[in-house]
Amino acid sequence: MAKLKTKEYLVDVIRIDNDSVTRHGKIRLDKSERVNLFEKHFFDKFKENLTQEDFICYPEVFEIKDKIQNYHNLNDLDVHITSGSDAIIKSFFEIADNSKKVIITNPCFPMYKVYAQLFNMETIDVGYNKNLVLDVDKLLDSIDSNVGLVAIANPISPVGDVISESAIYKIAKKCSNLGIPLLIDEAYYEFYGTTAIPLCEEFTNVGVARTFSKALGGAGVRLAYLIGSRELISCVKKWRPMYEVNQVAIKYGCFILDNIEQINDYVKRTVLERDGIYELLKGNNVEVINTQSNWVHVNCKNIDKVIKVLEKNNVLFKCGTLPYQGNTLWLRLTIFPNLSKTSYFQEIMNLNK
């Protein structure tokens, strides 16, 4: 039997399977999803919109495209619908000159590195200083004719910091002068409130990605969209599958945009809780790092005991390191309204006094 012939470099690409144990029915503080369930009457209202045709007919994206255009008041810009924001990331690698390098942050959302490997592009990793501030000067200095793509998130995951509007503008302008595609991933925009969408009107090379997976509560339907110039979107759409997303996802997106005040209320309460928990932990001499996203980083004094509390209460969580923090294990907790009032959070607070 002959050996399977594939791209040789694929042997170095390591992918980890998704969870093999269900996360349903648990308290999900590990992946920055919406934690609170929607009120029953609200979700029942959504389900009433579903018909058999949503399952037996091929999907149609024109309705949600129109709603997104109206929601953002887009005039001269276009919209591309995708199955999750990682599909948008992939599309930028597809349109980029893969013989050149890609600039990403370090650390970053894992799929940036995965796609860099899959498209055999060398990365220029821009890191942080000891104050957990991204080295924007290095990022700007790295943009030259040897770069085929710049892909950054704002806010940046997993740290949760942001790149200033002035810095984003400088990055966009330098990329534009060299004709380099620039992806700005705004998956956590709602918790930050500042967007780069206006740059898409000035620079045809800039694309801004938004997702329904985080604040908008639709991680399970896999729905996102890209905003950019007609020139950029036309290029990106050449790589789209026959049908971009499924019809149930489209129905969900339309329903959420029609009831965006529900999301705005959830975001407002989540941000208040995030900042309140930060102050509460800091006031109790617990080392904590706040973010512009929907999580905080906590350096727990008794991490082993904290983990036992979380596991006992069926809470999913994520631990990891942060730049320049050595081997210190930080607990990254997704925030939701009234998290501080839960029994397991109170138990964790007692462990860290």
Foldseek 3Di string as FASTA:
>chain_A
DDDDDDPPLCVVQDDDDPDPDDLPPFQEFAPQFARDDDPPVLVVVLVVPDDVCLPVPFADQPVLQVLVCVLVVPDQKGKDKAQACLLVLLLLLVLWPQQAAEEEEVPADVSNVNSNSVSVHHYDYFYADLVRHTPLVVVLVPDDLRYGEYEYEAVTPPVQAGDDPVSVLSNQVSCQVNVHAYEYEDAQCLLQVDDPLVVLVVGQRYKYKYDCGHLVRPVPQRIIMIMHGPVVVVSSVVPADPGRGRSSVSSSSVSCSVVVVVSNVFSVLQSVQQVVVVCVCVVLVWDKAGHSGQKIKTQAPCVVVLVVLCVVRSYDWDWDDDPPPPGRIITITGTGHPPCVDPSNVVSSVRRD
